């Protein structure tokens, strides 16, 4: 479904895409990226809307140790708490309004667990950023940001997770030209966009209108490059994630938890995880290590 505005600065067509349901650990999620019609938005290559779900002190995301390569994971909660552990030795409780950013590079593993003390509602989004050639084979890292910059935009407040947005800049690492924003909208709002970026707008709560087109949970609005303003109107209090970035000038290959350029890169990562050769380290987690079947092309070849 598409819609064009009569406003000259908003002439880029809005494309509305439906998320699909997936199971991640113990939670049902709405997956906005990747999908057949839209694999990436800039370097953003994965977007899972988690919850809202009821969790307890001993049962939360329940995602055991698993590996990553060639990407950054961005975890942002709008309600609740979760516990992150990784092979770098990080152990971090993330609460609503805080940002966890893990850089995989050549290889890292992590687990996402119940906190041991929080009981209530859990809701948020997990995002992946495909790393560029200068960083995708580099060192792993982890950051936690408990205080992020905010900017008021009419009847909306934007919290800048990654990059720069309407004059506010996040301290979080990013290796390519992109932006990620949590937008809390109570009425009407106008904001500047970078015309070199493409954008994805993912609604977590409420209902908003862009170009007179309604977007609610389970949908993503996509805007191609060329737009320098965004007008949003909320029908009641709404929470929206805005993702933007320069369109990738190369293809990426995604399989399981790996982002790479070639199948041989994926094969090497899978073989390292299967053989536990040390590339992905060890996570001090009570949850079981996650295994998976070999890539489908290996199965076909045998």
C-alpha atoms as a PDB file:
ATOM      1  CA  UNK A   1       0.000   0.000   0.000  1.00  0.00           C
ATOM      2  CA  UNK A   2       1.402   3.404  -0.893  1.00  0.00           C
ATOM      3  CA  UNK A   3       0.432   7.023  -0.498  1.00  0.00           C
ATOM      4  CA  UNK A   4       1.828  10.252  -1.917  1.00  0.00           C
ATOM      5  CA  UNK A   5       1.437  13.595  -0.187  1.00  0.00           C
ATOM      6  CA  UNK A   6       0.665  16.886  -1.918  1.00  0.00           C
ATOM      7  CA  UNK A   7       3.342  18.560   0.228  1.00  0.00           C
ATOM      8  CA  UNK A   8       6.417  19.089  -1.971  1.00  0.00           C
ATOM      9  CA  UNK A   9       8.909  18.185   0.762  1.00  0.00           C
ATOM     10  CA  UNK A  10       6.919  15.005   1.471  1.00  0.00           C
ATOM     11  CA  UNK A  11       6.606  13.852  -2.124  1.00  0.00           C
ATOM     12  CA  UNK A  12       8.432  10.558  -1.525  1.00  0.00           C
ATOM     13  CA  UNK A  13       5.922   7.711  -1.513  1.00  0.00           C
ATOM     14  CA  UNK A  14       5.135   6.002   1.788  1.00  0.00           C
ATOM     15  CA  UNK A  15       5.130   2.214   1.515  1.00  0.00           C
ATOM     16  CA  UNK A  16       3.373   0.293   4.277  1.00  0.00           C
ATOM     17  CA  UNK A  17       4.715  -3.177   5.081  1.00  0.00           C
ATOM     18  CA  UNK A  18       3.309  -5.783   7.467  1.00  0.00           C
ATOM     19  CA  UNK A  19       5.532  -7.458  10.030  1.00  0.00           C
ATOM     20  CA  UNK A  20       5.397 -11.225  10.426  1.00  0.00           C
ATOM     21  CA  UNK A  21       5.211 -13.234  13.637  1.00  0.00           C
ATOM     22  CA  UNK A  22       8.218 -15.166  14.900  1.00  0.00           C
ATOM     23  CA  UNK A  23       9.248 -16.953  18.090  1.00  0.00           C
ATOM     24  CA  UNK A  24      12.383 -15.766  19.913  1.00  0.00           C
ATOM     25  CA  UNK A  25      13.190 -17.583  23.124  1.00  0.00           C
ATOM     26  CA  UNK A  26       9.961 -17.625  25.117  1.00  0.00           C
ATOM     27  CA  UNK A  27       8.507 -14.544  23.413  1.00  0.00           C
ATOM     28  CA  UNK A  28       6.341 -14.029  20.363  1.00  0.00           C
ATOM     29  CA  UNK A  29       7.691 -11.114  18.306  1.00  0.00           C
ATOM     30  CA  UNK A  30       6.621  -9.009  15.332  1.00  0.00           C
ATOM     31  CA  UNK A  31       9.487  -9.021  12.809  1.00  0.00           C
ATOM     32  CA  UNK A  32       9.581  -5.901  10.631  1.00  0.00           C
ATOM     33  CA  UNK A  33      13.020  -6.631   9.133  1.00  0.00           C
ATOM     34  CA  UNK A  34      14.111  -8.526   7.162  1.00  0.00           C
ATOM     35  CA  UNK A  35      11.212  -9.418   4.906  1.00  0.00           C
ATOM     36  CA  UNK A  36      10.848 -10.295   1.268  1.00  0.00           C
ATOM     37  CA  UNK A  37       9.876  -6.807   0.119  1.00  0.00           C
ATOM     38  CA  UNK A  38      12.408  -4.952   2.261  1.00  0.00           C
ATOM     39  CA  UNK A  39      15.599  -6.605   3.489  1.00  0.00           C
ATOM     40  CA  UNK A  40      17.298  -3.538   4.982  1.00  0.00           C
ATOM     41  CA  UNK A  41      16.801   0.122   5.855  1.00  0.00           C
ATOM     42  CA  UNK A  42      20.237   1.633   5.543  1.00  0.00           C
ATOM     43  CA  UNK A  43      22.485  -0.695   7.542  1.00  0.00           C
ATOM     44  CA  UNK A  44      19.551  -1.733   9.768  1.00  0.00           C
ATOM     45  CA  UNK A  45      18.967  -5.364   8.822  1.00  0.00           C
ATOM     46  CA  UNK A  46      16.812  -6.823  11.614  1.00  0.00           C
ATOM     47  CA  UNK A  47      13.962  -5.473  13.757  1.00  0.00           C
ATOM     48  CA  UNK A  48      11.949  -7.520  16.257  1.00  0.00           C
ATOM     49  CA  UNK A  49       9.177  -5.897  18.304  1.00  0.00           C
ATOM     50  CA  UNK A  50       9.126  -7.919  21.543  1.00  0.00           C
ATOM     51  CA  UNK A  51       6.008  -8.118  23.712  1.00  0.00           C
ATOM     52  CA  UNK A  52       4.188  -6.801  25.531  1.00  0.00           C
ATOM     53  CA  UNK A  53       4.611  -9.997  27.529  1.00  0.00           C
ATOM     54  CA  UNK A  54       4.376 -10.982  31.178  1.00  0.00           C
ATOM     55  CA  UNK A  55       7.700 -12.076  32.682  1.00  0.00           C
ATOM     56  CA  UNK A  56       8.767 -13.225  36.132  1.00  0.00           C
ATOM     57  CA  UNK A  57      11.928 -13.197  38.219  1.00  0.00           C
ATOM     58  CA  UNK A  58      12.931 -16.527  36.699  1.00  0.00           C
ATOM     59  CA  UNK A  59      11.391 -16.428  33.228  1.00  0.00           C
ATOM     60  CA  UNK A  60      12.042 -13.668  30.700  1.00  0.00           C
ATOM     61  CA  UNK A  61      13.514 -13.652  27.229  1.00  0.00           C
ATOM     62  CA  UNK A  62      15.179 -17.015  27.986  1.00  0.00           C
ATOM     63  CA  UNK A  63      17.556 -16.902  25.017  1.00  0.00           C
ATOM     64  CA  UNK A  64      20.589 -19.062  25.780  1.00  0.00           C
ATOM     65  CA  UNK A  65      24.171 -18.400  24.622  1.00  0.00           C
ATOM     66  CA  UNK A  66      24.322 -17.951  20.860  1.00  0.00           C
ATOM     67  CA  UNK A  67      26.859 -16.426  18.444  1.00  0.00           C
ATOM     68  CA  UNK A  68      26.978 -13.320  16.244  1.00  0.00           C
ATOM     69  CA  UNK A  69      29.314 -12.030  13.547  1.00  0.00           C
ATOM     70  CA  UNK A  70      29.391  -8.912  11.384  1.00  0.00           C
ATOM     71  CA  UNK A  71      26.672  -6.975  13.197  1.00  0.00           C
ATOM     72  CA  UNK A  72      25.744  -4.810  16.164  1.00  0.00           C
ATOM     73  CA  UNK A  73      22.771  -5.695  18.372  1.00  0.00           C
ATOM     74  CA  UNK A  74      20.735  -2.765  19.678  1.00  0.00           C
ATOM     75  CA  UNK A  75      18.359  -3.593  22.536  1.00  0.00           C
ATOM     76  CA  UNK A  76      15.841  -0.948  23.621  1.00  0.00           C
ATOM     77  CA  UNK A  77      13.071  -1.580  26.132  1.00  0.00           C
ATOM     78  CA  UNK A  78      10.023   0.622  26.593  1.00  0.00           C
ATOM     79  CA  UNK A  79       8.760  -1.447  29.528  1.00  0.00           C
ATOM     80  CA  UNK A  80      10.399  -3.858  31.954  1.00  0.00           C
ATOM     81  CA  UNK A  81      13.874  -5.246  32.498  1.00  0.00           C
ATOM     82  CA  UNK A  82      16.115  -7.979  31.089  1.00  0.00           C
ATOM     83  CA  UNK A  83      19.610  -9.302  31.792  1.00  0.00           C
ATOM     84  CA  UNK A  84      22.396  -9.364  29.180  1.00  0.00           C
ATOM     85  CA  UNK A  85      25.475 -11.581  29.558  1.00  0.00           C
ATOM     86  CA  UNK A  86      28.170 -11.987  26.911  1.00  0.00           C
ATOM     87  CA  UNK A  87      31.491 -13.672  26.192  1.00  0.00           C
ATOM     88  CA  UNK A  88      33.340 -10.417  26.939  1.00  0.00           C
ATOM     89  CA  UNK A  89      32.349 -10.835  30.583  1.00  0.00           C
ATOM     90  CA  UNK A  90      29.590  -8.209  30.487  1.00  0.00           C
ATOM     91  CA  UNK A  91      26.644  -8.687  32.837  1.00  0.00           C
ATOM     92  CA  UNK A  92      24.155  -5.853  32.507  1.00  0.00           C
ATOM     93  CA  UNK A  93      20.545  -5.382  33.547  1.00  0.00           C
ATOM     94  CA  UNK A  94      18.792  -3.202  30.981  1.00  0.00           C
ATOM     95  CA  UNK A  95      15.720  -1.241  32.031  1.00  0.00           C
ATOM     96  CA  UNK A  96      13.165   0.714  30.046  1.00  0.00           C
ATOM     97  CA  UNK A  97      14.741   3.870  28.637  1.00  0.00           C
ATOM     98  CA  UNK A  98      18.254   2.401  28.538  1.00  0.00           C
ATOM     99  CA  UNK A  99      20.284   1.143  25.580  1.00  0.00           C
ATOM    100  CA  UNK A 100      22.407  -1.979  25.223  1.00  0.00           C
ATOM    101  CA  UNK A 101      24.728  -2.012  22.204  1.00  0.00           C
ATOM    102  CA  UNK A 102      26.857  -5.090  21.474  1.00  0.00           C
ATOM    103  CA  UNK A 103      29.337  -5.133  18.606  1.00  0.00           C
ATOM    104  CA  UNK A 104      30.049  -8.601  17.214  1.00  0.00           C
ATOM    105  CA  UNK A 105      32.855  -7.966  14.723  1.00  0.00           C
ATOM    106  CA  UNK A 106      34.708 -11.230  14.076  1.00  0.00           C
ATOM    107  CA  UNK A 107      32.708 -13.008  16.753  1.00  0.00           C
ATOM    108  CA  UNK A 108      30.908 -12.727  20.086  1.00  0.00           C
ATOM    109  CA  UNK A 109      28.267 -14.710  21.945  1.00  0.00           C
ATOM    110  CA  UNK A 110      25.643 -13.636  24.458  1.00  0.00           C
ATOM    111  CA  UNK A 111      22.518 -14.653  26.357  1.00  0.00           C
ATOM    112  CA  UNK A 112      19.366 -12.730  27.271  1.00  0.00           C
ATOM    113  CA  UNK A 113      17.743 -13.763  30.509  1.00  0.00           C
ATOM    114  CA  UNK A 114      15.338 -12.989  33.326  1.00  0.00           C
ATOM    115  CA  UNK A 115      16.841 -10.588  35.851  1.00  0.00           C
ATOM    116  CA  UNK A 116      16.190 -12.652  38.954  1.00  0.00           C
ATOM    117  CA  UNK A 117      14.209  -9.815  40.534  1.00  0.00           C
ATOM    118  CA  UNK A 118      11.857  -8.177  37.983  1.00  0.00           C
ATOM    119  CA  UNK A 119       8.260  -9.314  37.589  1.00  0.00           C
ATOM    120  CA  UNK A 120       5.878  -7.502  35.262  1.00  0.00           C
ATOM    121  CA  UNK A 121       5.548  -6.476  31.614  1.00  0.00           C
ATOM    122  CA  UNK A 122       8.371  -6.647  29.092  1.00  0.00           C
ATOM    123  CA  UNK A 123       8.216  -4.778  25.803  1.00  0.00           C
ATOM    124  CA  UNK A 124      10.810  -3.363  23.454  1.00  0.00           C
ATOM    125  CA  UNK A 125      12.664  -3.812  20.216  1.00  0.00           C
ATOM    126  CA  UNK A 126      15.834  -5.607  19.233  1.00  0.00           C
ATOM    127  CA  UNK A 127      17.659  -4.314  16.172  1.00  0.00           C
ATOM    128  CA  UNK A 128      20.696  -5.385  14.192  1.00  0.00           C
ATOM    129  CA  UNK A 129      23.055  -3.129  12.293  1.00  0.00           C
ATOM    130  CA  UNK A 130      25.139  -4.715   9.511  1.00  0.00           C
ATOM    131  CA  UNK A 131      28.746  -3.669  10.068  1.00  0.00           C
ATOM    132  CA  UNK A 132      30.718  -2.192   7.200  1.00  0.00           C
ATOM    133  CA  UNK A 133      33.901  -3.671   5.748  1.00  0.00           C
ATOM    134  CA  UNK A 134      36.098  -1.636   8.081  1.00  0.00           C
ATOM    135  CA  UNK A 135      34.482  -3.065  11.210  1.00  0.00           C
ATOM    136  CA  UNK A 136      32.816  -6.397  10.450  1.00  0.00           C
ATOM    137  CA  UNK A 137      35.946  -8.460  11.110  1.00  0.00           C
ATOM    138  CA  UNK A 138      37.155  -6.316  14.003  1.00  0.00           C
ATOM    139  CA  UNK A 139      37.053  -6.675  17.774  1.00  0.00           C
ATOM    140  CA  UNK A 140      33.872  -7.307  19.731  1.00  0.00           C
ATOM    141  CA  UNK A 141      32.573  -4.768  22.226  1.00  0.00           C
ATOM    142  CA  UNK A 142      29.721  -3.867  24.560  1.00  0.00           C
ATOM    143  CA  UNK A 143      28.211  -0.535  25.646  1.00  0.00           C
ATOM    144  CA  UNK A 144      25.389   0.395  27.996  1.00  0.00           C
ATOM    145  CA  UNK A 145      23.872   3.873  27.889  1.00  0.00           C
ATOM    146  CA  UNK A 146      21.503   4.804  30.678  1.00  0.00           C
ATOM    147  CA  UNK A 147      21.075   8.459  29.696  1.00  0.00           C
ATOM    148  CA  UNK A 148      20.427   9.365  26.069  1.00  0.00           C
ATOM    149  CA  UNK A 149      19.778  12.786  24.514  1.00  0.00           C
ATOM    150  CA  UNK A 150      16.198  13.957  23.944  1.00  0.00           C
ATOM    151  CA  UNK A 151      14.704  16.654  21.773  1.00  0.00           C
ATOM    152  CA  UNK A 152      11.157  18.057  21.807  1.00  0.00           C
ATOM    153  CA  UNK A 153       9.473  18.193  18.411  1.00  0.00           C
ATOM    154  CA  UNK A 154       6.058  19.768  18.845  1.00  0.00           C
ATOM    155  CA  UNK A 155       3.793  17.232  20.532  1.00  0.00           C
ATOM    156  CA  UNK A 156       6.498  14.568  20.491  1.00  0.00           C
ATOM    157  CA  UNK A 157       9.744  13.787  22.275  1.00  0.00           C
ATOM    158  CA  UNK A 158      12.555  12.034  20.408  1.00  0.00           C
ATOM    159  CA  UNK A 159      15.175   9.985  22.268  1.00  0.00           C
ATOM    160  CA  UNK A 160      18.199   9.488  20.017  1.00  0.00           C
ATOM    161  CA  UNK A 161      19.442   5.897  20.319  1.00  0.00           C
ATOM    162  CA  UNK A 162      22.055   5.959  17.561  1.00  0.00           C
ATOM    163  CA  UNK A 163      23.412   8.773  15.403  1.00  0.00           C
ATOM    164  CA  UNK A 164      22.182  12.371  15.120  1.00  0.00           C
ATOM    165  CA  UNK A 165      18.576  13.569  14.860  1.00  0.00           C
ATOM    166  CA  UNK A 166      17.252  17.128  14.780  1.00  0.00           C
ATOM    167  CA  UNK A 167      20.270  18.525  16.589  1.00  0.00           C
ATOM    168  CA  UNK A 168      20.707  15.804  19.246  1.00  0.00           C
ATOM    169  CA  UNK A 169      23.510  13.216  19.041  1.00  0.00           C
ATOM    170  CA  UNK A 170      23.740   9.842  20.760  1.00  0.00           C
ATOM    171  CA  UNK A 171      27.023   8.783  22.419  1.00  0.00           C
ATOM    172  CA  UNK A 172      26.540   5.200  21.172  1.00  0.00           C
ATOM    173  CA  UNK A 173      28.984   3.815  18.639  1.00  0.00           C
ATOM    174  CA  UNK A 174      28.030   3.597  14.998  1.00  0.00           C
ATOM    175  CA  UNK A 175      30.293   2.685  12.086  1.00  0.00           C
ATOM    176  CA  UNK A 176      28.165   3.918   9.188  1.00  0.00           C
ATOM    177  CA  UNK A 177      25.805   6.801   8.402  1.00  0.00           C
ATOM    178  CA  UNK A 178      22.555   5.939  10.188  1.00  0.00           C
ATOM    179  CA  UNK A 179      20.121   6.982  12.902  1.00  0.00           C
ATOM    180  CA  UNK A 180      17.772   5.271  15.349  1.00  0.00           C
ATOM    181  CA  UNK A 181      15.148   7.166  17.386  1.00  0.00           C
ATOM    182  CA  UNK A 182      12.447   6.416  19.946  1.00  0.00           C
ATOM    183  CA  UNK A 183       9.601   8.870  19.256  1.00  0.00           C
ATOM    184  CA  UNK A 184       6.843   9.370  21.857  1.00  0.00           C
ATOM    185  CA  UNK A 185       3.988  11.180  20.117  1.00  0.00           C
ATOM    186  CA  UNK A 186       0.918  12.652  21.824  1.00  0.00           C
ATOM    187  CA  UNK A 187      -0.408  14.826  18.984  1.00  0.00           C
ATOM    188  CA  UNK A 188       1.155  16.360  15.900  1.00  0.00           C
ATOM    189  CA  UNK A 189       4.863  16.656  15.209  1.00  0.00           C
ATOM    190  CA  UNK A 190       7.201  17.755  12.448  1.00  0.00           C
ATOM    191  CA  UNK A 191      10.852  16.745  12.205  1.00  0.00           C
ATOM    192  CA  UNK A 192      13.760  17.120   9.816  1.00  0.00           C
ATOM    193  CA  UNK A 193      15.025  14.127   7.865  1.00  0.00           C
ATOM    194  CA  UNK A 194      18.294  13.575   6.038  1.00  0.00           C
ATOM    195  CA  UNK A 195      17.323  13.424   2.372  1.00  0.00           C
ATOM    196  CA  UNK A 196      20.232  11.032   1.680  1.00  0.00           C
ATOM    197  CA  UNK A 197      18.727   8.455   4.055  1.00  0.00           C
ATOM    198  CA  UNK A 198      15.980   5.906   3.588  1.00  0.00           C
ATOM    199  CA  UNK A 199      13.716   5.466   6.618  1.00  0.00           C
ATOM    200  CA  UNK A 200      11.620   2.846   8.347  1.00  0.00           C
ATOM    201  CA  UNK A 201       8.922   3.822  10.871  1.00  0.00           C
ATOM    202  CA  UNK A 202       7.900   0.996  13.242  1.00  0.00           C
ATOM    203  CA  UNK A 203       4.982   1.511  15.637  1.00  0.00           C
ATOM    204  CA  UNK A 204       5.307  -0.218  19.019  1.00  0.00           C
ATOM    205  CA  UNK A 205       2.267   1.304  20.744  1.00  0.00           C
ATOM    206  CA  UNK A 206      -0.720   3.355  19.666  1.00  0.00           C
ATOM    207  CA  UNK A 207      -1.655   4.575  16.207  1.00  0.00           C
ATOM    208  CA  UNK A 208      -0.082   7.291  14.069  1.00  0.00           C
ATOM    209  CA  UNK A 209      -0.797   8.875  10.713  1.00  0.00           C
ATOM    210  CA  UNK A 210       1.854   9.668   8.117  1.00  0.00           C
ATOM    211  CA  UNK A 211       0.638  11.049   4.784  1.00  0.00           C
ATOM    212  CA  UNK A 212      -2.926  10.345   6.023  1.00  0.00           C
ATOM    213  CA  UNK A 213      -2.003   6.648   6.200  1.00  0.00           C
ATOM    214  CA  UNK A 214      -2.596   4.901   9.556  1.00  0.00           C
ATOM    215  CA  UNK A 215       0.222   2.866  11.071  1.00  0.00           C
ATOM    216  CA  UNK A 216      -0.192   0.674  14.152  1.00  0.00           C
ATOM    217  CA  UNK A 217       1.713  -2.178  15.815  1.00  0.00           C
ATOM    218  CA  UNK A 218       2.653  -4.830  13.278  1.00  0.00           C
ATOM    219  CA  UNK A 219       3.328  -2.369  10.462  1.00  0.00           C
ATOM    220  CA  UNK A 220       6.366  -0.484   9.181  1.00  0.00           C
ATOM    221  CA  UNK A 221       6.232   2.590   6.973  1.00  0.00           C
ATOM    222  CA  UNK A 222       9.104   2.825   4.488  1.00  0.00           C
ATOM    223  CA  UNK A 223      10.380   6.029   2.865  1.00  0.00           C
ATOM    224  CA  UNK A 224      12.982   6.000   0.095  1.00  0.00           C
ATOM    225  CA  UNK A 225      15.695   8.687   0.009  1.00  0.00           C
ATOM    226  CA  UNK A 226      14.689  12.168  -1.067  1.00  0.00           C
ATOM    227  CA  UNK A 227      12.514  13.330   1.809  1.00  0.00           C
ATOM    228  CA  UNK A 228      13.667  16.107   4.160  1.00  0.00           C
ATOM    229  CA  UNK A 229      10.683  16.366   6.537  1.00  0.00           C
ATOM    230  CA  UNK A 230       8.363  14.003   8.347  1.00  0.00           C
ATOM    231  CA  UNK A 231       4.902  14.947   9.633  1.00  0.00           C
ATOM    232  CA  UNK A 232       3.394  12.586  12.218  1.00  0.00           C
ATOM    233  CA  UNK A 233       0.011  12.746  13.925  1.00  0.00           C
ATOM    234  CA  UNK A 234      -0.867  10.414  16.780  1.00  0.00           C
ATOM    235  CA  UNK A 235      -4.332   9.166  17.623  1.00  0.00           C
ATOM    236  CA  UNK A 236      -3.593   8.963  21.335  1.00  0.00           C
ATOM    237  CA  UNK A 237      -0.248   8.358  23.047  1.00  0.00           C
ATOM    238  CA  UNK A 238       2.000   6.413  20.681  1.00  0.00           C
ATOM    239  CA  UNK A 239       5.532   5.001  20.660  1.00  0.00           C
ATOM    240  CA  UNK A 240       7.334   4.847  17.339  1.00  0.00           C
ATOM    241  CA  UNK A 241      10.827   3.719  16.339  1.00  0.00           C
ATOM    242  CA  UNK A 242      12.356   5.663  13.448  1.00  0.00           C
ATOM    243  CA  UNK A 243      15.281   3.986  11.667  1.00  0.00           C
ATOM    244  CA  UNK A 244      17.272   5.686   8.917  1.00  0.00           C
ATOM    245  CA  UNK A 245      20.477   5.333   6.994  1.00  0.00           C
ATOM    246  CA  UNK A 246      22.228   5.622   3.701  1.00  0.00           C
ATOM    247  CA  UNK A 247      21.122   2.728   1.459  1.00  0.00           C
ATOM    248  CA  UNK A 248      23.692  -0.052   1.360  1.00  0.00           C
ATOM    249  CA  UNK A 249      25.872  -0.058  -1.752  1.00  0.00           C
ATOM    250  CA  UNK A 250      26.520  -3.793  -1.414  1.00  0.00           C
ATOM    251  CA  UNK A 251      24.568  -6.938  -0.653  1.00  0.00           C
ATOM    252  CA  UNK A 252      24.725  -8.597   2.737  1.00  0.00           C
ATOM    253  CA  UNK A 253      24.144 -12.259   3.436  1.00  0.00           C
ATOM    254  CA  UNK A 254      22.217 -13.214   6.583  1.00  0.00           C
ATOM    255  CA  UNK A 255      21.798 -16.683   8.005  1.00  0.00           C
ATOM    256  CA  UNK A 256      20.810 -17.554  11.573  1.00  0.00           C
ATOM    257  CA  UNK A 257      22.708 -15.071  13.793  1.00  0.00           C
ATOM    258  CA  UNK A 258      25.404 -14.157  11.289  1.00  0.00           C
ATOM    259  CA  UNK A 259      25.725 -11.236   8.875  1.00  0.00           C
ATOM    260  CA  UNK A 260      28.375 -11.638   6.199  1.00  0.00           C
ATOM    261  CA  UNK A 261      29.286 -11.040   2.570  1.00  0.00           C
ATOM    262  CA  UNK A 262      29.559 -14.643   1.376  1.00  0.00           C
ATOM    263  CA  UNK A 263      28.373 -18.134   2.167  1.00  0.00           C
ATOM    264  CA  UNK A 264      31.935 -19.132   2.960  1.00  0.00           C
ATOM    265  CA  UNK A 265      31.972 -16.527   5.737  1.00  0.00           C
ATOM    266  CA  UNK A 266      28.809 -18.104   7.144  1.00  0.00           C
ATOM    267  CA  UNK A 267      30.245 -21.606   6.811  1.00  0.00           C
ATOM    268  CA  UNK A 268      33.346 -20.607   8.772  1.00  0.00           C
ATOM    269  CA  UNK A 269      31.286 -19.005  11.546  1.00  0.00           C
ATOM    270  CA  UNK A 270      28.934 -21.979  11.813  1.00  0.00           C
ATOM    271  CA  UNK A 271      31.845 -24.434  11.918  1.00  0.00           C
ATOM    272  CA  UNK A 272      33.485 -22.403  14.699  1.00  0.00           C
ATOM    273  CA  UNK A 273      30.305 -22.395  16.780  1.00  0.00           C
ATOM    274  CA  UNK A 274      29.634 -26.104  16.206  1.00  0.00           C
ATOM    275  CA  UNK A 275      33.188 -27.101  17.102  1.00  0.00           C
ATOM    276  CA  UNK A 276      33.379 -24.600  19.985  1.00  0.00           C
ATOM    277  CA  UNK A 277      36.877 -23.618  18.833  1.00  0.00           C
ATOM    278  CA  UNK A 278      37.050 -20.462  20.963  1.00  0.00           C
ATOM    279  CA  UNK A 279      36.148 -17.897  18.321  1.00  0.00           C
ATOM    280  CA  UNK A 280      32.936 -16.972  20.171  1.00  0.00           C
ATOM    281  CA  UNK A 281      34.231 -17.309  23.715  1.00  0.00           C
ATOM    282  CA  UNK A 282      32.056 -18.504  26.577  1.00  0.00           C
ATOM    283  CA  UNK A 283      29.029 -16.936  28.254  1.00  0.00           C
ATOM    284  CA  UNK A 284      28.586 -17.457  31.999  1.00  0.00           C
ATOM    285  CA  UNK A 285      24.883 -18.252  31.751  1.00  0.00           C
ATOM    286  CA  UNK A 286      22.637 -20.851  33.398  1.00  0.00           C
ATOM    287  CA  UNK A 287      20.777 -21.257  30.107  1.00  0.00           C
ATOM    288  CA  UNK A 288      21.711 -23.968  27.635  1.00  0.00           C
ATOM    289  CA  UNK A 289      23.912 -23.124  24.662  1.00  0.00           C
ATOM    290  CA  UNK A 290      21.821 -22.852  21.480  1.00  0.00           C
ATOM    291  CA  UNK A 291      22.664 -25.160  18.606  1.00  0.00           C
ATOM    292  CA  UNK A 292      21.270 -25.181  15.098  1.00  0.00           C
ATOM    293  CA  UNK A 293      21.296 -27.323  11.977  1.00  0.00           C
ATOM    294  CA  UNK A 294      23.876 -26.685   9.280  1.00  0.00           C
ATOM    295  CA  UNK A 295      23.112 -24.036   6.642  1.00  0.00           C
ATOM    296  CA  UNK A 296      20.662 -25.315   4.050  1.00  0.00           C
ATOM    297  CA  UNK A 297      23.215 -25.135   1.241  1.00  0.00           C
ATOM    298  CA  UNK A 298      25.543 -27.489   3.142  1.00  0.00           C
ATOM    299  CA  UNK A 299      22.695 -29.963   3.485  1.00  0.00           C
ATOM    300  CA  UNK A 300      21.968 -29.753  -0.242  1.00  0.00           C
ATOM    301  CA  UNK A 301      25.605 -30.285  -1.096  1.00  0.00           C
ATOM    302  CA  UNK A 302      25.726 -33.484   0.935  1.00  0.00           C
END
